[in-house]
Amino acid sequence: LFMAASATLIILAKDLIPLFYVQDVA
């Protein structure tokens, strides 16, 4: 159940998360 909730959050934030790491569009 915990990992199912995590999966939902990851999908919703998939485009936002990389922005915290590096400034490279590719």
mmCIF file of all heavy atoms, coordinates in Angstrom:
data_MODEL
# 
_entry.id   MODEL 
# 
loop_
_atom_site.group_PDB 
_atom_site.id 
_atom_site.type_symbol 
_atom_site.label_atom_id 
_atom_site.label_alt_id 
_atom_site.label_comp_id 
_atom_site.label_asym_id 
_atom_site.label_entity_id 
_atom_site.label_seq_id 
_atom_site.pdbx_PDB_ins_code 
_atom_site.Cartn_x 
_atom_site.Cartn_y 
_atom_site.Cartn_z 
_atom_site.occupancy 
_atom_site.B_iso_or_equiv 
_atom_site.pdbx_formal_charge 
_atom_site.auth_seq_id 
_atom_site.auth_comp_id 
_atom_site.auth_asym_id 
_atom_site.auth_atom_id 
_atom_site.pdbx_PDB_model_num 
ATOM 1   N N   . LEU A 1 1  ? 0.825  -1.214 0.000   1.00 0.00 ? 1  LEU A N   1 
ATOM 2   C CA  . LEU A 1 1  ? 0.000  0.000  0.000   1.00 0.00 ? 1  LEU A CA  1 
ATOM 3   C C   . LEU A 1 1  ? 0.858  1.263  0.000   1.00 0.00 ? 1  LEU A C   1 
ATOM 4   O O   . LEU A 1 1  ? 0.566  2.235  -0.709  1.00 0.00 ? 1  LEU A O   1 
ATOM 5   C CB  . LEU A 1 1  ? -0.935 -0.007 1.218   1.00 0.00 ? 1  LEU A CB  1 
ATOM 6   C CG  . LEU A 1 1  ? -2.064 -1.043 1.192   1.00 0.00 ? 1  LEU A CG  1 
ATOM 7   C CD1 . LEU A 1 1  ? -2.821 -1.038 2.516   1.00 0.00 ? 1  LEU A CD1 1 
ATOM 8   C CD2 . LEU A 1 1  ? -3.017 -0.777 0.030   1.00 0.00 ? 1  LEU A CD2 1 
ATOM 9   N N   . PHE A 1 2  ? 1.918  1.240  0.785   1.00 0.00 ? 2  PHE A N   1 
ATOM 10  C CA  . PHE A 1 2  ? 2.810  2.403  0.837   1.00 0.00 ? 2  PHE A CA  1 
ATOM 11  C C   . PHE A 1 2  ? 3.442  2.666  -0.526  1.00 0.00 ? 2  PHE A C   1 
ATOM 12  O O   . PHE A 1 2  ? 3.503  3.814  -0.995  1.00 0.00 ? 2  PHE A O   1 
ATOM 13  C CB  . PHE A 1 2  ? 3.901  2.185  1.883   1.00 0.00 ? 2  PHE A CB  1 
ATOM 14  C CG  . PHE A 1 2  ? 4.991  3.223  1.825   1.00 0.00 ? 2  PHE A CG  1 
ATOM 15  C CD1 . PHE A 1 2  ? 4.789  4.481  2.350   1.00 0.00 ? 2  PHE A CD1 1 
ATOM 16  C CD2 . PHE A 1 2  ? 6.207  2.942  1.214   1.00 0.00 ? 2  PHE A CD2 1 
ATOM 17  C CE1 . PHE A 1 2  ? 5.775  5.449  2.279   1.00 0.00 ? 2  PHE A CE1 1 
ATOM 18  C CE2 . PHE A 1 2  ? 7.198  3.898  1.144   1.00 0.00 ? 2  PHE A CE2 1 
ATOM 19  C CZ  . PHE A 1 2  ? 6.980  5.156  1.682   1.00 0.00 ? 2  PHE A CZ  1 
ATOM 20  N N   . MET A 1 3  ? 3.910  1.608  -1.187  1.00 0.00 ? 3  MET A N   1 
ATOM 21  C CA  . MET A 1 3  ? 4.572  1.784  -2.471  1.00 0.00 ? 3  MET A CA  1 
ATOM 22  C C   . MET A 1 3  ? 3.588  2.165  -3.574  1.00 0.00 ? 3  MET A C   1 
ATOM 23  O O   . MET A 1 3  ? 3.956  2.863  -4.525  1.00 0.00 ? 3  MET A O   1 
ATOM 24  C CB  . MET A 1 3  ? 5.345  0.527  -2.834  1.00 0.00 ? 3  MET A CB  1 
ATOM 25  C CG  . MET A 1 3  ? 6.507  0.246  -1.902  1.00 0.00 ? 3  MET A CG  1 
ATOM 26  S SD  . MET A 1 3  ? 7.756  1.566  -1.866  1.00 0.00 ? 3  MET A SD  1 
ATOM 27  C CE  . MET A 1 3  ? 8.973  0.892  -2.986  1.00 0.00 ? 3  MET A CE  1 
ATOM 28  N N   . ALA A 1 4  ? 2.339  1.725  -3.455  1.00 0.00 ? 4  ALA A N   1 
ATOM 29  C CA  . ALA A 1 4  ? 1.322  2.155  -4.419  1.00 0.00 ? 4  ALA A CA  1 
ATOM 30  C C   . ALA A 1 4  ? 1.097  3.664  -4.316  1.00 0.00 ? 4  ALA A C   1 
ATOM 31  O O   . ALA A 1 4  ? 0.976  4.369  -5.330  1.00 0.00 ? 4  ALA A O   1 
ATOM 32  C CB  . ALA A 1 4  ? 0.018  1.404  -4.178  1.00 0.00 ? 4  ALA A CB  1 
ATOM 33  N N   . ALA A 1 5  ? 1.067  4.174  -3.077  1.00 0.00 ? 5  ALA A N   1 
ATOM 34  C CA  . ALA A 1 5  ? 0.933  5.625  -2.880  1.00 0.00 ? 5  ALA A CA  1 
ATOM 35  C C   . ALA A 1 5  ? 2.159  6.355  -3.422  1.00 0.00 ? 5  ALA A C   1 
ATOM 36  O O   . ALA A 1 5  ? 2.043  7.418  -4.051  1.00 0.00 ? 5  ALA A O   1 
ATOM 37  C CB  . ALA A 1 5  ? 0.739  5.929  -1.398  1.00 0.00 ? 5  ALA A CB  1 
ATOM 38  N N   . SER A 1 6  ? 3.343  5.786  -3.212  1.00 0.00 ? 6  SER A N   1 
ATOM 39  C CA  . SER A 1 6  ? 4.575  6.393  -3.721  1.00 0.00 ? 6  SER A CA  1 
ATOM 40  C C   . SER A 1 6  ? 4.564  6.463  -5.238  1.00 0.00 ? 6  SER A C   1 
ATOM 41  O O   . SER A 1 6  ? 4.993  7.463  -5.831  1.00 0.00 ? 6  SER A O   1 
ATOM 42  C CB  . SER A 1 6  ? 5.789  5.590  -3.249  1.00 0.00 ? 6  SER A CB  1 
ATOM 43  O OG  . SER A 1 6  ? 5.888  5.589  -1.844  1.00 0.00 ? 6  SER A OG  1 
ATOM 44  N N   . ALA A 1 7  ? 4.095  5.387  -5.875  1.00 0.00 ? 7  ALA A N   1 
ATOM 45  C CA  . ALA A 1 7  ? 4.035  5.349  -7.334  1.00 0.00 ? 7  ALA A CA  1 
ATOM 46  C C   . ALA A 1 7  ? 3.168  6.476  -7.874  1.00 0.00 ? 7  ALA A C   1 
ATOM 47  O O   . ALA A 1 7  ? 3.508  7.131  -8.866  1.00 0.00 ? 7  ALA A O   1 
ATOM 48  C CB  . ALA A 1 7  ? 3.499  3.998  -7.800  1.00 0.00 ? 7  ALA A CB  1 
ATOM 49  N N   . THR A 1 8  ? 2.038  6.711  -7.219  1.00 0.00 ? 8  THR A N   1 
ATOM 50  C CA  . THR A 1 8  ? 1.131  7.788  -7.642  1.00 0.00 ? 8  THR A CA  1 
ATOM 51  C C   . THR A 1 8  ? 1.815  9.151  -7.556  1.00 0.00 ? 8  THR A C   1 
ATOM 52  O O   . THR A 1 8  ? 1.730  9.969  -8.483  1.00 0.00 ? 8  THR A O   1 
ATOM 53  C CB  . THR A 1 8  ? -0.137 7.790  -6.761  1.00 0.00 ? 8  THR A CB  1 
ATOM 54  O OG1 . THR A 1 8  ? -0.759 6.505  -6.837  1.00 0.00 ? 8  THR A OG1 1 
ATOM 55  C CG2 . THR A 1 8  ? -1.117 8.857  -7.234  1.00 0.00 ? 8  THR A CG2 1 
ATOM 56  N N   . LEU A 1 9  ? 2.526  9.387  -6.464  1.00 0.00 ? 9  LEU A N   1 
ATOM 57  C CA  . LEU A 1 9  ? 3.216  10.665 -6.286  1.00 0.00 ? 9  LEU A CA  1 
ATOM 58  C C   . LEU A 1 9  ? 4.331  10.853 -7.309  1.00 0.00 ? 9  LEU A C   1 
ATOM 59  O O   . LEU A 1 9  ? 4.532  11.959 -7.836  1.00 0.00 ? 9  LEU A O   1 
ATOM 60  C CB  . LEU A 1 9  ? 3.786  10.760 -4.865  1.00 0.00 ? 9  LEU A CB  1 
ATOM 61  C CG  . LEU A 1 9  ? 2.760  10.871 -3.730  1.00 0.00 ? 9  LEU A CG  1 
ATOM 62  C CD1 . LEU A 1 9  ? 3.466  10.814 -2.383  1.00 0.00 ? 9  LEU A CD1 1 
ATOM 63  C CD2 . LEU A 1 9  ? 1.960  12.172 -3.860  1.00 0.00 ? 9  LEU A CD2 1 
ATOM 64  N N   . ILE A 1 10 ? 5.064  9.792  -7.598  1.00 0.00 ? 10 ILE A N   1 
ATOM 65  C CA  . ILE A 1 10 ? 6.155  9.888  -8.580  1.00 0.00 ? 10 ILE A CA  1 
ATOM 66  C C   . ILE A 1 10 ? 5.625  10.243 -9.957  1.00 0.00 ? 10 ILE A C   1 
ATOM 67  O O   . ILE A 1 10 ? 6.177  11.106 -10.654 1.00 0.00 ? 10 ILE A O   1 
ATOM 68  C CB  . ILE A 1 10 ? 6.957  8.570  -8.629  1.00 0.00 ? 10 ILE A CB  1 
ATOM 69  C CG1 . ILE A 1 10 ? 7.747  8.382  -7.324  1.00 0.00 ? 10 ILE A CG1 1 
ATOM 70  C CG2 . ILE A 1 10 ? 7.918  8.562  -9.818  1.00 0.00 ? 10 ILE A CG2 1 
ATOM 71  C CD1 . ILE A 1 10 ? 8.414  7.029  -7.201  1.00 0.00 ? 10 ILE A CD1 1 
ATOM 72  N N   . ILE A 1 11 ? 4.533  9.605  -10.356 1.00 0.00 ? 11 ILE A N   1 
ATOM 73  C CA  . ILE A 1 11 ? 3.953  9.894  -11.672 1.00 0.00 ? 11 ILE A CA  1 
ATOM 74  C C   . ILE A 1 11 ? 3.471  11.343 -11.745 1.00 0.00 ? 11 ILE A C   1 
ATOM 75  O O   . ILE A 1 11 ? 3.693  12.046 -12.735 1.00 0.00 ? 11 ILE A O   1 
ATOM 76  C CB  . ILE A 1 11 ? 2.804  8.910  -11.978 1.00 0.00 ? 11 ILE A CB  1 
ATOM 77  C CG1 . ILE A 1 11 ? 3.374  7.511  -12.218 1.00 0.00 ? 11 ILE A CG1 1 
ATOM 78  C CG2 . ILE A 1 11 ? 2.003  9.378  -13.192 1.00 0.00 ? 11 ILE A CG2 1 
ATOM 79  C CD1 . ILE A 1 11 ? 2.323  6.436  -12.394 1.00 0.00 ? 11 ILE A CD1 1 
ATOM 80  N N   . LEU A 1 12 ? 2.829  11.813 -10.681 1.00 0.00 ? 12 LEU A N   1 
ATOM 81  C CA  . LEU A 1 12 ? 2.330  13.183 -10.671 1.00 0.00 ? 12 LEU A CA  1 
ATOM 82  C C   . LEU A 1 12 ? 3.468  14.215 -10.713 1.00 0.00 ? 12 LEU A C   1 
ATOM 83  O O   . LEU A 1 12 ? 3.305  15.308 -11.275 1.00 0.00 ? 12 LEU A O   1 
ATOM 84  C CB  . LEU A 1 12 ? 1.472  13.418 -9.423  1.00 0.00 ? 12 LEU A CB  1 
ATOM 85  C CG  . LEU A 1 12 ? 0.128  12.679 -9.377  1.00 0.00 ? 12 LEU A CG  1 
ATOM 86  C CD1 . LEU A 1 12 ? -0.550 12.882 -8.029  1.00 0.00 ? 12 LEU A CD1 1 
ATOM 87  C CD2 . LEU A 1 12 ? -0.795 13.141 -10.516 1.00 0.00 ? 12 LEU A CD2 1 
ATOM 88  N N   . ALA A 1 13 ? 4.621  13.858 -10.127 1.00 0.00 ? 13 ALA A N   1 
ATOM 89  C CA  . ALA A 1 13 ? 5.718  14.828 -10.016 1.00 0.00 ? 13 ALA A CA  1 
ATOM 90  C C   . ALA A 1 13 ? 6.872  14.548 -10.978 1.00 0.00 ? 13 ALA A C   1 
ATOM 91  O O   . ALA A 1 13 ? 7.934  15.160 -10.868 1.00 0.00 ? 13 ALA A O   1 
ATOM 92  C CB  . ALA A 1 13 ? 6.243  14.834 -8.583  1.00 0.00 ? 13 ALA A CB  1 
ATOM 93  N N   . LYS A 1 14 ? 6.674  13.661 -11.949 1.00 0.00 ? 14 LYS A N   1 
ATOM 94  C CA  . LYS A 1 14 ? 7.776  13.225 -12.817 1.00 0.00 ? 14 LYS A CA  1 
ATOM 95  C C   . LYS A 1 14 ? 8.426  14.369 -13.604 1.00 0.00 ? 14 LYS A C   1 
ATOM 96  O O   . LYS A 1 14 ? 9.626  14.324 -13.899 1.00 0.00 ? 14 LYS A O   1 
ATOM 97  C CB  . LYS A 1 14 ? 7.295  12.146 -13.790 1.00 0.00 ? 14 LYS A CB  1 
ATOM 98  C CG  . LYS A 1 14 ? 6.256  12.616 -14.798 1.00 0.00 ? 14 LYS A CG  1 
ATOM 99  C CD  . LYS A 1 14 ? 5.828  11.499 -15.730 1.00 0.00 ? 14 LYS A CD  1 
ATOM 100 C CE  . LYS A 1 14 ? 4.704  11.937 -16.669 1.00 0.00 ? 14 LYS A CE  1 
ATOM 101 N NZ  . LYS A 1 14 ? 5.091  13.050 -17.541 1.00 0.00 ? 14 LYS A NZ  1 
ATOM 102 N N   . ASP A 1 15 ? 7.659  15.379 -13.959 1.00 0.00 ? 15 ASP A N   1 
ATOM 103 C CA  . ASP A 1 15 ? 8.220  16.509 -14.711 1.00 0.00 ? 15 ASP A CA  1 
ATOM 104 C C   . ASP A 1 15 ? 8.823  17.571 -13.803 1.00 0.00 ? 15 ASP A C   1 
ATOM 105 O O   . ASP A 1 15 ? 9.626  18.394 -14.256 1.00 0.00 ? 15 ASP A O   1 
ATOM 106 C CB  . ASP A 1 15 ? 7.141  17.148 -15.596 1.00 0.00 ? 15 ASP A CB  1 
ATOM 107 C CG  . ASP A 1 15 ? 6.653  16.204 -16.681 1.00 0.00 ? 15 ASP A CG  1 
ATOM 108 O OD1 . ASP A 1 15 ? 7.513  15.605 -17.353 1.00 0.00 ? 15 ASP A OD1 1 
ATOM 109 O OD2 . ASP A 1 15 ? 5.428  16.044 -16.845 1.00 0.00 ? 15 ASP A OD2 1 
ATOM 110 N N   . LEU A 1 16 ? 8.451  17.567 -12.547 1.00 0.00 ? 16 LEU A N   1 
ATOM 111 C CA  . LEU A 1 16 ? 8.944  18.563 -11.591 1.00 0.00 ? 16 LEU A CA  1 
ATOM 112 C C   . LEU A 1 16 ? 10.248 18.126 -10.940 1.00 0.00 ? 16 LEU A C   1 
ATOM 113 O O   . LEU A 1 16 ? 11.161 18.941 -10.751 1.00 0.00 ? 16 LEU A O   1 
ATOM 114 C CB  . LEU A 1 16 ? 7.877  18.807 -10.520 1.00 0.00 ? 16 LEU A CB  1 
ATOM 115 C CG  . LEU A 1 16 ? 8.241  19.785 -9.395  1.00 0.00 ? 16 LEU A CG  1 
ATOM 116 C CD1 . LEU A 1 16 ? 8.492  21.185 -9.953  1.00 0.00 ? 16 LEU A CD1 1 
ATOM 117 C CD2 . LEU A 1 16 ? 7.138  19.812 -8.336  1.00 0.00 ? 16 LEU A CD2 1 
ATOM 118 N N   . ILE A 1 17 ? 10.358 16.848 -10.595 1.00 0.00 ? 17 ILE A N   1 
ATOM 119 C CA  . ILE A 1 17 ? 11.511 16.338 -9.842  1.00 0.00 ? 17 ILE A CA  1 
ATOM 120 C C   . ILE A 1 17 ? 12.850 16.664 -10.505 1.00 0.00 ? 17 ILE A C   1 
ATOM 121 O O   . ILE A 1 17 ? 13.774 17.148 -9.831  1.00 0.00 ? 17 ILE A O   1 
ATOM 122 C CB  . ILE A 1 17 ? 11.362 14.819 -9.603  1.00 0.00 ? 17 ILE A CB  1 
ATOM 123 C CG1 . ILE A 1 17 ? 10.222 14.551 -8.613  1.00 0.00 ? 17 ILE A CG1 1 
ATOM 124 C CG2 . ILE A 1 17 ? 12.666 14.219 -9.082  1.00 0.00 ? 17 ILE A CG2 1 
ATOM 125 C CD1 . ILE A 1 17 ? 9.814  13.087 -8.523  1.00 0.00 ? 17 ILE A CD1 1 
ATOM 126 N N   . PRO A 1 18 ? 13.022 16.430 -11.824 1.00 0.00 ? 18 PRO A N   1 
ATOM 127 C CA  . PRO A 1 18 ? 14.344 16.689 -12.427 1.00 0.00 ? 18 PRO A CA  1 
ATOM 128 C C   . PRO A 1 18 ? 14.801 18.133 -12.321 1.00 0.00 ? 18 PRO A C   1 
ATOM 129 O O   . PRO A 1 18 ? 16.009 18.404 -12.364 1.00 0.00 ? 18 PRO A O   1 
ATOM 130 C CB  . PRO A 1 18 ? 14.131 16.284 -13.899 1.00 0.00 ? 18 PRO A CB  1 
ATOM 131 C CG  . PRO A 1 18 ? 12.993 15.326 -13.886 1.00 0.00 ? 18 PRO A CG  1 
ATOM 132 C CD  . PRO A 1 18 ? 12.098 15.816 -12.792 1.00 0.00 ? 18 PRO A CD  1 
ATOM 133 N N   . LEU A 1 19 ? 13.869 19.061 -12.173 1.00 0.00 ? 19 LEU A N   1 
ATOM 134 C CA  . LEU A 1 19 ? 14.231 20.483 -12.095 1.00 0.00 ? 19 LEU A CA  1 
ATOM 135 C C   . LEU A 1 19 ? 15.077 20.794 -10.867 1.00 0.00 ? 19 LEU A C   1 
ATOM 136 O O   . LEU A 1 19 ? 15.812 21.786 -10.845 1.00 0.00 ? 19 LEU A O   1 
ATOM 137 C CB  . LEU A 1 19 ? 12.971 21.350 -12.078 1.00 0.00 ? 19 LEU A CB  1 
ATOM 138 C CG  . LEU A 1 19 ? 12.065 21.270 -13.321 1.00 0.00 ? 19 LEU A CG  1 
ATOM 139 C CD1 . LEU A 1 19 ? 10.811 22.109 -13.112 1.00 0.00 ? 19 LEU A CD1 1 
ATOM 140 C CD2 . LEU A 1 19 ? 12.810 21.722 -14.566 1.00 0.00 ? 19 LEU A CD2 1 
ATOM 141 N N   . PHE A 1 20 ? 14.975 19.957 -9.828  1.00 0.00 ? 20 PHE A N   1 
ATOM 142 C CA  . PHE A 1 20 ? 15.727 20.194 -8.598  1.00 0.00 ? 20 PHE A CA  1 
ATOM 143 C C   . PHE A 1 20 ? 17.198 19.782 -8.738  1.00 0.00 ? 20 PHE A C   1 
ATOM 144 O O   . PHE A 1 20 ? 18.015 20.127 -7.887  1.00 0.00 ? 20 PHE A O   1 
ATOM 145 C CB  . PHE A 1 20 ? 15.099 19.429 -7.431  1.00 0.00 ? 20 PHE A CB  1 
ATOM 146 C CG  . PHE A 1 20 ? 13.768 19.980 -6.996  1.00 0.00 ? 20 PHE A CG  1 
ATOM 147 C CD1 . PHE A 1 20 ? 12.589 19.407 -7.441  1.00 0.00 ? 20 PHE A CD1 1 
ATOM 148 C CD2 . PHE A 1 20 ? 13.696 21.080 -6.154  1.00 0.00 ? 20 PHE A CD2 1 
ATOM 149 C CE1 . PHE A 1 20 ? 11.356 19.904 -7.044  1.00 0.00 ? 20 PHE A CE1 1 
ATOM 150 C CE2 . PHE A 1 20 ? 12.476 21.587 -5.755  1.00 0.00 ? 20 PHE A CE2 1 
ATOM 151 C CZ  . PHE A 1 20 ? 11.299 20.999 -6.203  1.00 0.00 ? 20 PHE A CZ  1 
ATOM 152 N N   . TYR A 1 21 ? 17.512 19.015 -9.773  1.00 0.00 ? 21 TYR A N   1 
ATOM 153 C CA  . TYR A 1 21 ? 18.841 18.422 -9.886  1.00 0.00 ? 21 TYR A CA  1 
ATOM 154 C C   . TYR A 1 21 ? 19.796 19.183 -10.799 1.00 0.00 ? 21 TYR A C   1 
ATOM 155 O O   . TYR A 1 21 ? 20.935 19.467 -10.411 1.00 0.00 ? 21 TYR A O   1 
ATOM 156 C CB  . TYR A 1 21 ? 18.724 16.969 -10.378 1.00 0.00 ? 21 TYR A CB  1 
ATOM 157 C CG  . TYR A 1 21 ? 18.229 16.005 -9.334  1.00 0.00 ? 21 TYR A CG  1 
ATOM 158 C CD1 . TYR A 1 21 ? 16.878 15.875 -9.059  1.00 0.00 ? 21 TYR A CD1 1 
ATOM 159 C CD2 . TYR A 1 21 ? 19.117 15.209 -8.616  1.00 0.00 ? 21 TYR A CD2 1 
ATOM 160 C CE1 . TYR A 1 21 ? 16.417 14.985 -8.096  1.00 0.00 ? 21 TYR A CE1 1 
ATOM 161 C CE2 . TYR A 1 21 ? 18.672 14.308 -7.653  1.00 0.00 ? 21 TYR A CE2 1 
ATOM 162 C CZ  . TYR A 1 21 ? 17.322 14.213 -7.400  1.00 0.00 ? 21 TYR A CZ  1 
ATOM 163 O OH  . TYR A 1 21 ? 16.881 13.336 -6.443  1.00 0.00 ? 21 TYR A OH  1 
ATOM 164 N N   . VAL A 1 22 ? 19.372 19.448 -12.024 1.00 0.00 ? 22 VAL A N   1 
ATOM 165 C CA  . VAL A 1 22 ? 20.314 19.970 -13.005 1.00 0.00 ? 22 VAL A CA  1 
ATOM 166 C C   . VAL A 1 22 ? 19.577 20.799 -14.046 1.00 0.00 ? 22 VAL A C   1 
ATOM 167 O O   . VAL A 1 22 ? 18.398 20.547 -14.326 1.00 0.00 ? 22 VAL A O   1 
ATOM 168 C CB  . VAL A 1 22 ? 21.088 18.799 -13.669 1.00 0.00 ? 22 VAL A CB  1 
ATOM 169 C CG1 . VAL A 1 22 ? 20.165 17.941 -14.509 1.00 0.00 ? 22 VAL A CG1 1 
ATOM 170 C CG2 . VAL A 1 22 ? 22.273 19.294 -14.491 1.00 0.00 ? 22 VAL A CG2 1 
ATOM 171 N N   . GLN A 1 23 ? 20.260 21.772 -14.619 1.00 0.00 ? 23 GLN A N   1 
ATOM 172 C CA  . GLN A 1 23 ? 19.650 22.634 -15.632 1.00 0.00 ? 23 GLN A CA  1 
ATOM 173 C C   . GLN A 1 23 ? 20.026 22.133 -17.029 1.00 0.00 ? 23 GLN A C   1 
ATOM 174 O O   . GLN A 1 23 ? 20.871 22.697 -17.708 1.00 0.00 ? 23 GLN A O   1 
ATOM 175 C CB  . GLN A 1 23 ? 20.139 24.075 -15.428 1.00 0.00 ? 23 GLN A CB  1 
ATOM 176 C CG  . GLN A 1 23 ? 19.890 24.640 -14.050 1.00 0.00 ? 23 GLN A CG  1 
ATOM 177 C CD  . GLN A 1 23 ? 18.432 24.599 -13.642 1.00 0.00 ? 23 GLN A CD  1 
ATOM 178 O OE1 . GLN A 1 23 ? 17.553 24.951 -14.417 1.00 0.00 ? 23 GLN A OE1 1 
ATOM 179 N NE2 . GLN A 1 23 ? 18.170 24.143 -12.418 1.00 0.00 ? 23 GLN A NE2 1 
ATOM 180 N N   . ASP A 1 24 ? 19.421 21.059 -17.444 1.00 0.00 ? 24 ASP A N   1 
ATOM 181 C CA  . ASP A 1 24 ? 19.711 20.467 -18.759 1.00 0.00 ? 24 ASP A CA  1 
ATOM 182 C C   . ASP A 1 24 ? 18.417 19.848 -19.271 1.00 0.00 ? 24 ASP A C   1 
ATOM 183 O O   . ASP A 1 24 ? 17.942 18.847 -18.724 1.00 0.00 ? 24 ASP A O   1 
ATOM 184 C CB  . ASP A 1 24 ? 20.815 19.414 -18.639 1.00 0.00 ? 24 ASP A CB  1 
ATOM 185 C CG  . ASP A 1 24 ? 21.302 18.908 -19.985 1.00 0.00 ? 24 ASP A CG  1 
ATOM 186 O OD1 . ASP A 1 24 ? 20.461 18.654 -20.871 1.00 0.00 ? 24 ASP A OD1 1 
ATOM 187 O OD2 . ASP A 1 24 ? 22.538 18.752 -20.152 1.00 0.00 ? 24 ASP A OD2 1 
ATOM 188 N N   . VAL A 1 25 ? 17.845 20.427 -20.329 1.00 0.00 ? 25 VAL A N   1 
ATOM 189 C CA  . VAL A 1 25 ? 16.526 20.013 -20.815 1.00 0.00 ? 25 VAL A CA  1 
ATOM 190 C C   . VAL A 1 25 ? 16.528 18.552 -21.258 1.00 0.00 ? 25 VAL A C   1 
ATOM 191 O O   . VAL A 1 25 ? 15.571 17.805 -21.003 1.00 0.00 ? 25 VAL A O   1 
ATOM 192 C CB  . VAL A 1 25 ? 16.076 20.927 -21.976 1.00 0.00 ? 25 VAL A CB  1 
ATOM 193 C CG1 . VAL A 1 25 ? 14.747 20.433 -22.560 1.00 0.00 ? 25 VAL A CG1 1 
ATOM 194 C CG2 . VAL A 1 25 ? 15.923 22.361 -21.484 1.00 0.00 ? 25 VAL A CG2 1 
ATOM 195 N N   . ALA A 1 26 ? 17.604 18.101 -21.915 1.00 0.00 ? 26 ALA A N   1 
ATOM 196 C CA  . ALA A 1 26 ? 17.675 16.714 -22.385 1.00 0.00 ? 26 ALA A CA  1 
ATOM 197 C C   . ALA A 1 26 ? 17.669 15.735 -21.208 1.00 0.00 ? 26 ALA A C   1 
ATOM 198 O O   . ALA A 1 26 ? 17.033 14.679 -21.259 1.00 0.00 ? 26 ALA A O   1 
ATOM 199 C CB  . ALA A 1 26 ? 18.928 16.521 -23.238 1.00 0.00 ? 26 ALA A CB  1 
# 
